[in-house]
N, C-alpha and C. Protein backbone atom coordinates (compact mmCIF):
# COMPACT_ATOMS: atom_id res chain seq x y z
N UNK A 1 0.81 -1.18 0.00
CA UNK A 1 0.00 0.00 0.00
C UNK A 1 0.87 1.26 0.00
N UNK A 2 1.98 1.20 0.70
CA UNK A 2 2.87 2.36 0.76
C UNK A 2 3.36 2.72 -0.64
N UNK A 3 3.63 1.73 -1.46
CA UNK A 3 4.12 2.00 -2.81
C UNK A 3 3.08 2.76 -3.64
N UNK A 4 1.83 2.41 -3.49
CA UNK A 4 0.76 3.11 -4.22
C UNK A 4 0.71 4.58 -3.80
N UNK A 5 0.77 4.83 -2.48
CA UNK A 5 0.76 6.22 -2.00
C UNK A 5 2.00 6.97 -2.48
N UNK A 6 3.13 6.29 -2.53
CA UNK A 6 4.36 6.91 -3.03
C UNK A 6 4.19 7.33 -4.48
N UNK A 7 3.68 6.45 -5.30
CA UNK A 7 3.45 6.78 -6.71
C UNK A 7 2.44 7.92 -6.84
N UNK A 8 1.35 7.84 -6.07
CA UNK A 8 0.30 8.85 -6.17
C UNK A 8 0.83 10.23 -5.79
N UNK A 9 1.68 10.30 -4.78
CA UNK A 9 2.20 11.59 -4.34
C UNK A 9 3.37 12.06 -5.21
N UNK A 10 4.36 11.20 -5.39
CA UNK A 10 5.59 11.62 -6.06
C UNK A 10 5.50 11.63 -7.58
N UNK A 11 4.88 10.62 -8.14
CA UNK A 11 4.90 10.46 -9.60
C UNK A 11 3.64 10.98 -10.27
N UNK A 12 2.50 10.54 -9.79
CA UNK A 12 1.24 10.87 -10.45
C UNK A 12 0.69 12.22 -10.03
N UNK A 13 1.10 12.72 -8.87
CA UNK A 13 0.62 14.01 -8.34
C UNK A 13 -0.91 14.03 -8.17
N UNK A 14 -1.45 12.86 -7.81
CA UNK A 14 -2.90 12.75 -7.62
C UNK A 14 -3.31 12.82 -6.16
N UNK A 15 -2.35 13.00 -5.27
CA UNK A 15 -2.65 13.10 -3.84
C UNK A 15 -1.76 14.21 -3.25
N UNK A 16 -2.33 14.96 -2.33
CA UNK A 16 -1.58 16.04 -1.69
C UNK A 16 -1.05 15.58 -0.33
N UNK A 17 -0.17 16.37 0.25
CA UNK A 17 0.34 16.06 1.59
C UNK A 17 -0.80 16.02 2.60
N UNK A 18 -1.73 16.95 2.45
CA UNK A 18 -2.85 17.01 3.39
C UNK A 18 -3.72 15.76 3.31
N UNK A 19 -3.98 15.31 2.09
CA UNK A 19 -4.77 14.09 1.91
C UNK A 19 -4.00 12.88 2.40
N UNK A 20 -2.72 12.84 2.10
CA UNK A 20 -1.88 11.74 2.56
C UNK A 20 -1.86 11.66 4.08
N UNK A 21 -1.85 12.81 4.73
CA UNK A 21 -1.83 12.84 6.19
C UNK A 21 -3.08 12.23 6.80
N UNK A 22 -4.19 12.22 6.07
CA UNK A 22 -5.43 11.68 6.61
C UNK A 22 -5.42 10.16 6.70
N UNK A 23 -4.49 9.49 6.03
CA UNK A 23 -4.45 8.03 6.07
C UNK A 23 -3.39 7.50 7.03
N UNK A 24 -2.65 8.40 7.68
CA UNK A 24 -1.65 7.98 8.65
C UNK A 24 -2.36 7.40 9.86
N UNK A 25 -1.99 6.18 10.22
CA UNK A 25 -2.56 5.53 11.40
C UNK A 25 -3.82 4.73 11.15
N UNK A 26 -4.38 4.80 9.96
CA UNK A 26 -5.57 4.01 9.66
C UNK A 26 -5.17 2.55 9.45
N UNK A 27 -6.11 1.62 9.69
CA UNK A 27 -5.77 0.20 9.50
C UNK A 27 -5.22 -0.12 8.10
N UNK A 28 -5.77 0.48 7.07
CA UNK A 28 -5.27 0.25 5.71
C UNK A 28 -4.42 1.42 5.23
N UNK A 29 -3.94 2.22 6.17
CA UNK A 29 -3.18 3.42 5.82
C UNK A 29 -1.69 3.21 5.92
N UNK A 30 -1.01 4.27 6.33
CA UNK A 30 0.44 4.25 6.43
C UNK A 30 0.86 4.71 7.82
N UNK A 31 2.12 4.53 8.13
CA UNK A 31 2.65 4.99 9.41
C UNK A 31 3.25 6.39 9.26
N UNK A 32 3.57 7.01 10.38
CA UNK A 32 4.21 8.32 10.35
C UNK A 32 5.58 8.22 9.67
N UNK A 33 6.26 7.10 9.85
CA UNK A 33 7.55 6.90 9.20
C UNK A 33 7.38 6.80 7.69
N UNK A 34 6.31 6.10 7.25
CA UNK A 34 6.02 6.00 5.81
C UNK A 34 5.75 7.39 5.23
N UNK A 35 5.01 8.21 5.97
CA UNK A 35 4.70 9.57 5.52
C UNK A 35 5.99 10.35 5.27
N UNK A 36 6.94 10.22 6.19
CA UNK A 36 8.20 10.94 6.04
C UNK A 36 8.98 10.43 4.83
N UNK A 37 8.98 9.13 4.61
CA UNK A 37 9.68 8.57 3.46
C UNK A 37 9.05 9.07 2.16
N UNK A 38 7.72 9.13 2.12
CA UNK A 38 7.02 9.54 0.90
C UNK A 38 7.17 11.03 0.63
N UNK A 39 6.97 11.85 1.65
CA UNK A 39 6.95 13.30 1.44
C UNK A 39 8.27 13.99 1.74
N UNK A 40 9.09 13.38 2.57
CA UNK A 40 10.32 14.03 2.99
C UNK A 40 10.14 14.93 4.19
N UNK A 41 8.91 15.06 4.68
CA UNK A 41 8.60 15.89 5.83
C UNK A 41 8.12 15.03 6.99
N UNK A 42 8.38 15.50 8.21
CA UNK A 42 7.86 14.81 9.39
C UNK A 42 6.34 14.92 9.42
N UNK A 43 5.70 13.86 9.90
CA UNK A 43 4.25 13.88 10.07
C UNK A 43 3.92 14.63 11.35
N UNK A 44 3.03 15.57 11.25
CA UNK A 44 2.54 16.30 12.41
C UNK A 44 1.04 16.07 12.49
N UNK A 45 0.61 15.46 13.58
CA UNK A 45 -0.81 15.18 13.75
C UNK A 45 -1.58 16.48 13.83
N UNK A 46 -2.73 16.53 13.17
CA UNK A 46 -3.54 17.75 13.25
C UNK A 46 -4.04 17.98 14.67
N UNK A 47 -4.12 19.22 15.05
CA UNK A 47 -4.62 19.54 16.38
C UNK A 47 -6.07 19.95 16.27
N UNK A 48 -6.84 19.51 17.20
CA UNK A 48 -8.26 19.87 17.23
C UNK A 48 -8.39 21.22 17.90
N UNK A 49 -9.15 22.06 17.30
CA UNK A 49 -9.38 23.38 17.89
C UNK A 49 -10.79 23.41 18.45
N UNK A 50 -10.87 23.68 19.73
CA UNK A 50 -12.16 23.78 20.37
C UNK A 50 -12.72 25.17 20.16
N UNK A 51 -13.97 25.21 19.80
CA UNK A 51 -14.65 26.48 19.63
C UNK A 51 -15.66 26.62 20.76
N UNK A 52 -15.55 27.72 21.45
CA UNK A 52 -16.49 27.96 22.53
C UNK A 52 -17.29 29.21 22.24
N UNK A 53 -18.50 29.18 22.65
CA UNK A 53 -19.35 30.35 22.51
C UNK A 53 -19.86 30.73 23.88
N UNK A 54 -19.99 31.98 24.09
CA UNK A 54 -20.45 32.47 25.38
C UNK A 54 -21.68 33.34 25.16
N UNK A 55 -22.66 33.10 25.98
CA UNK A 55 -23.85 33.94 25.91
C UNK A 55 -24.06 34.60 27.26
N UNK A 56 -24.41 35.82 27.21
CA UNK A 56 -24.72 36.52 28.47
C UNK A 56 -26.14 37.04 28.39
N UNK A 57 -26.81 36.98 29.48
CA UNK A 57 -28.20 37.44 29.54
C UNK A 57 -28.29 38.73 30.28
């Protein structure tokens, strides 16, 4: 599976780094180490941003 992602990112240009990052850690996905080999960049897990709203009466 890693080879397909490598081709898609490096050769075919049919996948972006952002899309590739979404498959890191999935059962049929890739590892963070695979991500680095494919893209040349360290994998950084996305951070969740909490949105809070405040109401005053």
